[in-house]
PDB file of N, CA and C in Angstrom:
ATOM      1  N   UNK A   1      28.936 -33.749  36.115  1.00  0.00           N
ATOM      2  CA  UNK A   1      30.087 -34.144  36.890  1.00  0.00           C
ATOM      3  C   UNK A   1      29.802 -33.924  38.365  1.00  0.00           C
ATOM      4  N   UNK A   2      30.434 -34.715  39.203  1.00  0.00           N
ATOM      5  CA  UNK A   2      30.326 -34.613  40.649  1.00  0.00           C
ATOM      6  C   UNK A   2      31.553 -33.871  41.178  1.00  0.00           C
ATOM      7  N   UNK A   3      31.308 -32.853  41.980  1.00  0.00           N
ATOM      8  CA  UNK A   3      32.387 -32.043  42.566  1.00  0.00           C
ATOM      9  C   UNK A   3      32.242 -32.092  44.077  1.00  0.00           C
ATOM     10  N   UNK A   4      33.330 -32.226  44.815  1.00  0.00           N
ATOM     11  CA  UNK A   4      33.272 -32.179  46.281  1.00  0.00           C
ATOM     12  C   UNK A   4      34.377 -31.287  46.796  1.00  0.00           C
ATOM     13  N   UNK A   5      33.997 -30.424  47.749  1.00  0.00           N
ATOM     14  CA  UNK A   5      34.979 -29.526  48.331  1.00  0.00           C
ATOM     15  C   UNK A   5      34.433 -28.868  49.575  1.00  0.00           C
ATOM     16  N   UNK A   6      35.066 -27.790  49.974  1.00  0.00           N
ATOM     17  CA  UNK A   6      34.696 -27.053  51.179  1.00  0.00           C
ATOM     18  C   UNK A   6      33.976 -25.772  50.778  1.00  0.00           C
ATOM     19  N   UNK A   7      32.816 -25.554  51.396  1.00  0.00           N
ATOM     20  CA  UNK A   7      32.004 -24.377  51.094  1.00  0.00           C
ATOM     21  C   UNK A   7      32.532 -23.142  51.815  1.00  0.00           C
ATOM     22  N   UNK A   8      32.418 -22.000  51.149  1.00  0.00           N
ATOM     23  CA  UNK A   8      32.713 -20.700  51.763  1.00  0.00           C
ATOM     24  C   UNK A   8      31.894 -19.657  51.013  1.00  0.00           C
ATOM     25  N   UNK A   9      31.858 -18.456  51.558  1.00  0.00           N
ATOM     26  CA  UNK A   9      31.118 -17.347  50.937  1.00  0.00           C
ATOM     27  C   UNK A   9      29.679 -17.742  50.591  1.00  0.00           C
ATOM     28  N   UNK A  10      29.043 -18.481  51.502  1.00  0.00           N
ATOM     29  CA  UNK A  10      27.675 -18.931  51.267  1.00  0.00           C
ATOM     30  C   UNK A  10      26.742 -17.721  51.312  1.00  0.00           C
ATOM     31  N   UNK A  11      25.987 -17.518  50.232  1.00  0.00           N
ATOM     32  CA  UNK A  11      25.033 -16.417  50.142  1.00  0.00           C
ATOM     33  C   UNK A  11      23.646 -17.031  49.973  1.00  0.00           C
ATOM     34  N   UNK A  12      22.908 -17.136  51.078  1.00  0.00           N
ATOM     35  CA  UNK A  12      21.610 -17.805  51.066  1.00  0.00           C
ATOM     36  C   UNK A  12      20.593 -17.081  50.193  1.00  0.00           C
ATOM     37  N   UNK A  13      20.619 -15.757  50.165  1.00  0.00           N
ATOM     38  CA  UNK A  13      19.622 -15.035  49.377  1.00  0.00           C
ATOM     39  C   UNK A  13      19.855 -15.189  47.875  1.00  0.00           C
ATOM     40  N   UNK A  14      21.103 -15.225  47.451  1.00  0.00           N
ATOM     41  CA  UNK A  14      21.424 -15.397  46.029  1.00  0.00           C
ATOM     42  C   UNK A  14      21.569 -16.871  45.645  1.00  0.00           C
ATOM     43  N   UNK A  15      21.615 -17.727  46.658  1.00  0.00           N
ATOM     44  CA  UNK A  15      21.820 -19.167  46.459  1.00  0.00           C
ATOM     45  C   UNK A  15      23.094 -19.441  45.660  1.00  0.00           C
ATOM     46  N   UNK A  16      24.195 -18.857  46.165  1.00  0.00           N
ATOM     47  CA  UNK A  16      25.507 -19.065  45.577  1.00  0.00           C
ATOM     48  C   UNK A  16      26.484 -19.413  46.685  1.00  0.00           C
ATOM     49  N   UNK A  17      27.589 -20.027  46.308  1.00  0.00           N
ATOM     50  CA  UNK A  17      28.666 -20.301  47.257  1.00  0.00           C
ATOM     51  C   UNK A  17      29.946 -20.506  46.487  1.00  0.00           C
ATOM     52  N   UNK A  18      31.042 -20.521  47.221  1.00  0.00           N
ATOM     53  CA  UNK A  18      32.336 -20.844  46.637  1.00  0.00           C
ATOM     54  C   UNK A  18      32.696 -22.232  47.131  1.00  0.00           C
ATOM     55  N   UNK A  19      33.132 -23.083  46.227  1.00  0.00           N
ATOM     56  CA  UNK A  19      33.520 -24.447  46.567  1.00  0.00           C
ATOM     57  C   UNK A  19      35.002 -24.590  46.263  1.00  0.00           C
ATOM     58  N   UNK A  20      35.801 -24.869  47.287  1.00  0.00           N
ATOM     59  CA  UNK A  20      37.240 -25.016  47.098  1.00  0.00           C
ATOM     60  C   UNK A  20      37.574 -26.499  46.979  1.00  0.00           C
ATOM     61  N   UNK A  21      38.173 -26.844  45.846  1.00  0.00           N
ATOM     62  CA  UNK A  21      38.525 -28.227  45.541  1.00  0.00           C
ATOM     63  C   UNK A  21      40.016 -28.271  45.220  1.00  0.00           C
ATOM     64  N   UNK A  22      40.783 -28.971  46.045  1.00  0.00           N
ATOM     65  CA  UNK A  22      42.225 -29.095  45.836  1.00  0.00           C
ATOM     66  C   UNK A  22      42.894 -27.743  45.600  1.00  0.00           C
ATOM     67  N   UNK A  23      42.489 -26.744  46.371  1.00  0.00           N
ATOM     68  CA  UNK A  23      43.099 -25.427  46.299  1.00  0.00           C
ATOM     69  C   UNK A  23      42.537 -24.502  45.236  1.00  0.00           C
ATOM     70  N   UNK A  24      41.626 -24.985  44.418  1.00  0.00           N
ATOM     71  CA  UNK A  24      41.008 -24.148  43.383  1.00  0.00           C
ATOM     72  C   UNK A  24      39.609 -23.761  43.818  1.00  0.00           C
ATOM     73  N   UNK A  25      39.292 -22.471  43.755  1.00  0.00           N
ATOM     74  CA  UNK A  25      37.978 -21.963  44.151  1.00  0.00           C
ATOM     75  C   UNK A  25      37.061 -21.918  42.931  1.00  0.00           C
ATOM     76  N   UNK A  26      35.884 -22.527  43.074  1.00  0.00           N
ATOM     77  CA  UNK A  26      34.869 -22.521  42.025  1.00  0.00           C
ATOM     78  C   UNK A  26      33.648 -21.751  42.518  1.00  0.00           C
ATOM     79  N   UNK A  27      33.094 -20.911  41.661  1.00  0.00           N
ATOM     80  CA  UNK A  27      31.837 -20.226  41.971  1.00  0.00           C
ATOM     81  C   UNK A  27      30.703 -21.191  41.623  1.00  0.00           C
ATOM     82  N   UNK A  28      29.799 -21.401  42.564  1.00  0.00           N
ATOM     83  CA  UNK A  28      28.681 -22.312  42.337  1.00  0.00           C
ATOM     84  C   UNK A  28      27.400 -21.494  42.260  1.00  0.00           C
ATOM     85  N   UNK A  29      26.705 -21.630  41.142  1.00  0.00           N
ATOM     86  CA  UNK A  29      25.409 -20.996  40.929  1.00  0.00           C
ATOM     87  C   UNK A  29      24.393 -22.109  40.746  1.00  0.00           C
ATOM     88  N   UNK A  30      23.236 -21.971  41.358  1.00  0.00           N
ATOM     89  CA  UNK A  30      22.218 -23.007  41.263  1.00  0.00           C
ATOM     90  C   UNK A  30      21.210 -22.677  40.173  1.00  0.00           C
ATOM     91  N   UNK A  31      20.754 -23.720  39.449  1.00  0.00           N
ATOM     92  CA  UNK A  31      19.647 -23.528  38.519  1.00  0.00           C
ATOM     93  C   UNK A  31      18.380 -23.370  39.353  1.00  0.00           C
ATOM     94  N   UNK A  32      17.344 -22.802  38.770  1.00  0.00           N
ATOM     95  CA  UNK A  32      16.104 -22.531  39.513  1.00  0.00           C
ATOM     96  C   UNK A  32      15.475 -23.789  40.094  1.00  0.00           C
ATOM     97  N   UNK A  33      15.675 -24.925  39.437  1.00  0.00           N
ATOM     98  CA  UNK A  33      15.055 -26.178  39.895  1.00  0.00           C
ATOM     99  C   UNK A  33      16.005 -27.055  40.698  1.00  0.00           C
ATOM    100  N   UNK A  34      17.136 -26.497  41.134  1.00  0.00           N
ATOM    101  CA  UNK A  34      18.138 -27.288  41.860  1.00  0.00           C
ATOM    102  C   UNK A  34      17.587 -27.831  43.178  1.00  0.00           C
ATOM    103  N   UNK A  35      18.058 -29.027  43.512  1.00  0.00           N
ATOM    104  CA  UNK A  35      17.700 -29.650  44.786  1.00  0.00           C
ATOM    105  C   UNK A  35      18.828 -29.431  45.770  1.00  0.00           C
ATOM    106  N   UNK A  36      18.475 -29.173  47.030  1.00  0.00           N
ATOM    107  CA  UNK A  36      19.451 -29.011  48.097  1.00  0.00           C
ATOM    108  C   UNK A  36      19.118 -30.062  49.145  1.00  0.00           C
ATOM    109  N   UNK A  37      20.087 -30.941  49.425  1.00  0.00           N
ATOM    110  CA  UNK A  37      19.836 -32.058  50.332  1.00  0.00           C
ATOM    111  C   UNK A  37      20.981 -32.216  51.331  1.00  0.00           C
ATOM    112  N   UNK A  38      20.689 -32.987  52.399  1.00  0.00           N
ATOM    113  CA  UNK A  38      21.729 -33.296  53.379  1.00  0.00           C
ATOM    114  C   UNK A  38      22.351 -34.651  53.043  1.00  0.00           C
ATOM    115  N   UNK A  39      23.203 -35.179  53.928  1.00  0.00           N
ATOM    116  CA  UNK A  39      23.898 -36.429  53.627  1.00  0.00           C
ATOM    117  C   UNK A  39      22.949 -37.615  53.493  1.00  0.00           C
ATOM    118  N   UNK A  40      21.747 -37.508  54.060  1.00  0.00           N
ATOM    119  CA  UNK A  40      20.749 -38.579  53.948  1.00  0.00           C
ATOM    120  C   UNK A  40      19.794 -38.341  52.780  1.00  0.00           C
ATOM    121  N   UNK A  41      20.076 -37.349  51.968  1.00  0.00           N
ATOM    122  CA  UNK A  41      19.270 -36.956  50.804  1.00  0.00           C
ATOM    123  C   UNK A  41      17.914 -36.368  51.178  1.00  0.00           C
ATOM    124  N   UNK A  42      17.767 -35.915  52.419  1.00  0.00           N
ATOM    125  CA  UNK A  42      16.548 -35.206  52.824  1.00  0.00           C
ATOM    126  C   UNK A  42      16.684 -33.750  52.390  1.00  0.00           C
ATOM    127  N   UNK A  43      15.615 -33.168  51.889  1.00  0.00           N
ATOM    128  CA  UNK A  43      15.633 -31.783  51.427  1.00  0.00           C
ATOM    129  C   UNK A  43      15.909 -30.835  52.586  1.00  0.00           C
ATOM    130  N   UNK A  44      16.809 -29.886  52.369  1.00  0.00           N
ATOM    131  CA  UNK A  44      17.127 -28.863  53.365  1.00  0.00           C
ATOM    132  C   UNK A  44      17.044 -27.504  52.682  1.00  0.00           C
ATOM    133  N   UNK A  45      16.993 -26.464  53.483  1.00  0.00           N
ATOM    134  CA  UNK A  45      17.023 -25.108  52.961  1.00  0.00           C
ATOM    135  C   UNK A  45      18.470 -24.735  52.660  1.00  0.00           C
ATOM    136  N   UNK A  46      18.684 -23.984  51.591  1.00  0.00           N
ATOM    137  CA  UNK A  46      20.038 -23.570  51.221  1.00  0.00           C
ATOM    138  C   UNK A  46      20.731 -22.846  52.368  1.00  0.00           C
ATOM    139  N   UNK A  47      19.957 -22.119  53.183  1.00  0.00           N
ATOM    140  CA  UNK A  47      20.543 -21.360  54.296  1.00  0.00           C
ATOM    141  C   UNK A  47      21.145 -22.271  55.368  1.00  0.00           C
ATOM    142  N   UNK A  48      20.882 -23.578  55.308  1.00  0.00           N
ATOM    143  CA  UNK A  48      21.468 -24.521  56.269  1.00  0.00           C
ATOM    144  C   UNK A  48      22.937 -24.787  55.986  1.00  0.00           C
ATOM    145  N   UNK A  49      23.377 -24.485  54.769  1.00  0.00           N
ATOM    146  CA  UNK A  49      24.778 -24.692  54.397  1.00  0.00           C
ATOM    147  C   UNK A  49      25.615 -23.583  55.028  1.00  0.00           C
ATOM    148  N   UNK A  50      26.677 -23.977  55.700  1.00  0.00           N
ATOM    149  CA  UNK A  50      27.547 -23.018  56.396  1.00  0.00           C
ATOM    150  C   UNK A  50      28.966 -23.077  55.838  1.00  0.00           C
ATOM    151  N   UNK A  51      29.693 -21.969  55.979  1.00  0.00           N
ATOM    152  CA  UNK A  51      31.101 -21.945  55.601  1.00  0.00           C
ATOM    153  C   UNK A  51      31.833 -23.064  56.333  1.00  0.00           C
ATOM    154  N   UNK A  52      32.672 -23.804  55.623  1.00  0.00           N
ATOM    155  CA  UNK A  52      33.445 -24.889  56.205  1.00  0.00           C
ATOM    156  C   UNK A  52      32.811 -26.261  56.030  1.00  0.00           C
ATOM    157  N   UNK A  53      31.534 -26.308  55.620  1.00  0.00           N
ATOM    158  CA  UNK A  53      30.864 -27.591  55.382  1.00  0.00           C
ATOM    159  C   UNK A  53      31.463 -28.274  54.157  1.00  0.00           C
ATOM    160  N   UNK A  54      31.460 -29.596  54.183  1.00  0.00           N
ATOM    161  CA  UNK A  54      31.840 -30.374  53.013  1.00  0.00           C
ATOM    162  C   UNK A  54      30.603 -30.513  52.143  1.00  0.00           C
ATOM    163  N   UNK A  55      30.731 -30.100  50.889  1.00  0.00           N
ATOM    164  CA  UNK A  55      29.587 -30.046  49.983  1.00  0.00           C
ATOM    165  C   UNK A  55      29.920 -30.787  48.691  1.00  0.00           C
ATOM    166  N   UNK A  56      28.939 -31.529  48.198  1.00  0.00           N
ATOM    167  CA  UNK A  56      29.038 -32.164  46.885  1.00  0.00           C
ATOM    168  C   UNK A  56      28.063 -31.462  45.950  1.00  0.00           C
ATOM    169  N   UNK A  57      28.522 -31.196  44.740  1.00  0.00           N
ATOM    170  CA  UNK A  57      27.711 -30.479  43.762  1.00  0.00           C
ATOM    171  C   UNK A  57      27.704 -31.288  42.466  1.00  0.00           C
ATOM    172  N   UNK A  58      26.517 -31.401  41.860  1.00  0.00           N
ATOM    173  CA  UNK A  58      26.401 -32.066  40.566  1.00  0.00           C
ATOM    174  C   UNK A  58      25.982 -31.039  39.535  1.00  0.00           C
ATOM    175  N   UNK A  59      26.743 -30.988  38.429  1.00  0.00           N
ATOM    176  CA  UNK A  59      26.414 -30.064  37.362  1.00  0.00           C
ATOM    177  C   UNK A  59      27.630 -29.766  36.511  1.00  0.00           C
ATOM    178  N   UNK A  60      27.413 -29.147  35.368  1.00  0.00           N
ATOM    179  CA  UNK A  60      28.518 -28.826  34.462  1.00  0.00           C
ATOM    180  C   UNK A  60      29.312 -27.610  34.929  1.00  0.00           C
ATOM    181  N   UNK A  61      30.535 -27.536  34.425  1.00  0.00           N
ATOM    182  CA  UNK A  61      31.374 -26.387  34.758  1.00  0.00           C
ATOM    183  C   UNK A  61      31.854 -25.704  33.491  1.00  0.00           C
ATOM    184  N   UNK A  62      32.159 -24.433  33.651  1.00  0.00           N
ATOM    185  CA  UNK A  62      32.794 -23.642  32.611  1.00  0.00           C
ATOM    186  C   UNK A  62      33.856 -22.815  33.301  1.00  0.00           C
ATOM    187  N   UNK A  63      35.100 -23.098  33.011  1.00  0.00           N
ATOM    188  CA  UNK A  63      36.227 -22.483  33.718  1.00  0.00           C
ATOM    189  C   UNK A  63      36.089 -22.756  35.210  1.00  0.00           C
ATOM    190  N   UNK A  64      35.887 -21.712  36.028  1.00  0.00           N
ATOM    191  CA  UNK A  64      35.773 -21.917  37.480  1.00  0.00           C
ATOM    192  C   UNK A  64      34.355 -21.634  37.979  1.00  0.00           C
ATOM    193  N   UNK A  65      33.365 -21.828  37.109  1.00  0.00           N
ATOM    194  CA  UNK A  65      31.970 -21.669  37.504  1.00  0.00           C
ATOM    195  C   UNK A  65      31.248 -22.993  37.297  1.00  0.00           C
ATOM    196  N   UNK A  66      30.559 -23.443  38.348  1.00  0.00           N
ATOM    197  CA  UNK A  66      29.774 -24.674  38.288  1.00  0.00           C
ATOM    198  C   UNK A  66      28.302 -24.285  38.340  1.00  0.00           C
ATOM    199  N   UNK A  67      27.519 -24.825  37.434  1.00  0.00           N
ATOM    200  CA  UNK A  67      26.072 -24.612  37.423  1.00  0.00           C
ATOM    201  C   UNK A  67      25.441 -25.837  38.073  1.00  0.00           C
ATOM    202  N   UNK A  68      24.991 -25.678  39.312  1.00  0.00           N
ATOM    203  CA  UNK A  68      24.549 -26.814  40.119  1.00  0.00           C
ATOM    204  C   UNK A  68      23.099 -27.187  39.863  1.00  0.00           C
ATOM    205  N   UNK A  69      22.884 -28.485  39.720  1.00  0.00           N
ATOM    206  CA  UNK A  69      21.534 -29.039  39.639  1.00  0.00           C
ATOM    207  C   UNK A  69      21.158 -29.691  40.969  1.00  0.00           C
ATOM    208  N   UNK A  70      22.197 -30.186  41.676  1.00  0.00           N
ATOM    209  CA  UNK A  70      22.002 -30.763  43.013  1.00  0.00           C
ATOM    210  C   UNK A  70      23.145 -30.288  43.891  1.00  0.00           C
ATOM    211  N   UNK A  71      22.806 -29.857  45.109  1.00  0.00           N
ATOM    212  CA  UNK A  71      23.800 -29.491  46.110  1.00  0.00           C
ATOM    213  C   UNK A  71      23.542 -30.371  47.324  1.00  0.00           C
ATOM    214  N   UNK A  72      24.563 -31.114  47.733  1.00  0.00           N
ATOM    215  CA  UNK A  72      24.425 -32.027  48.879  1.00  0.00           C
ATOM    216  C   UNK A  72      25.439 -31.643  49.940  1.00  0.00           C
ATOM    217  N   UNK A  73      24.953 -31.248  51.110  1.00  0.00           N
ATOM    218  CA  UNK A  73      25.818 -30.905  52.235  1.00  0.00           C
ATOM    219  C   UNK A  73      26.025 -32.172  53.052  1.00  0.00           C
ATOM    220  N   UNK A  74      27.194 -32.795  52.930  1.00  0.00           N
ATOM    221  CA  UNK A  74      27.452 -34.041  53.638  1.00  0.00           C
ATOM    222  C   UNK A  74      27.918 -33.819  55.077  1.00  0.00           C
ATOM    223  N   UNK A  75      27.976 -32.554  55.506  1.00  0.00           N
ATOM    224  CA  UNK A  75      28.301 -32.234  56.891  1.00  0.00           C
ATOM    225  C   UNK A  75      27.057 -32.198  57.759  1.00  0.00           C
ATOM    226  N   UNK A  76      25.879 -32.203  57.143  1.00  0.00           N
ATOM    227  CA  UNK A  76      24.620 -32.124  57.903  1.00  0.00           C
ATOM    228  C   UNK A  76      23.965 -33.490  57.899  1.00  0.00           C
TER     229      UNK A  76
END
């Protein structure tokens, strides 16, 4: 599934963030092989994602946890 929301609590070392979608906060955890890209699909470092950025995440969810396979920061 494709999820889009606002990033917060970005933790570059753990490669986790919180994605708020329509008022609901989801914990986003990346798989080891996850891709991190900008709006042009160029590879970026996870540390480039900042609180307040609009982020799209692809991956399955369980309750309020999303396991990301692709993270796309459309603010960059």
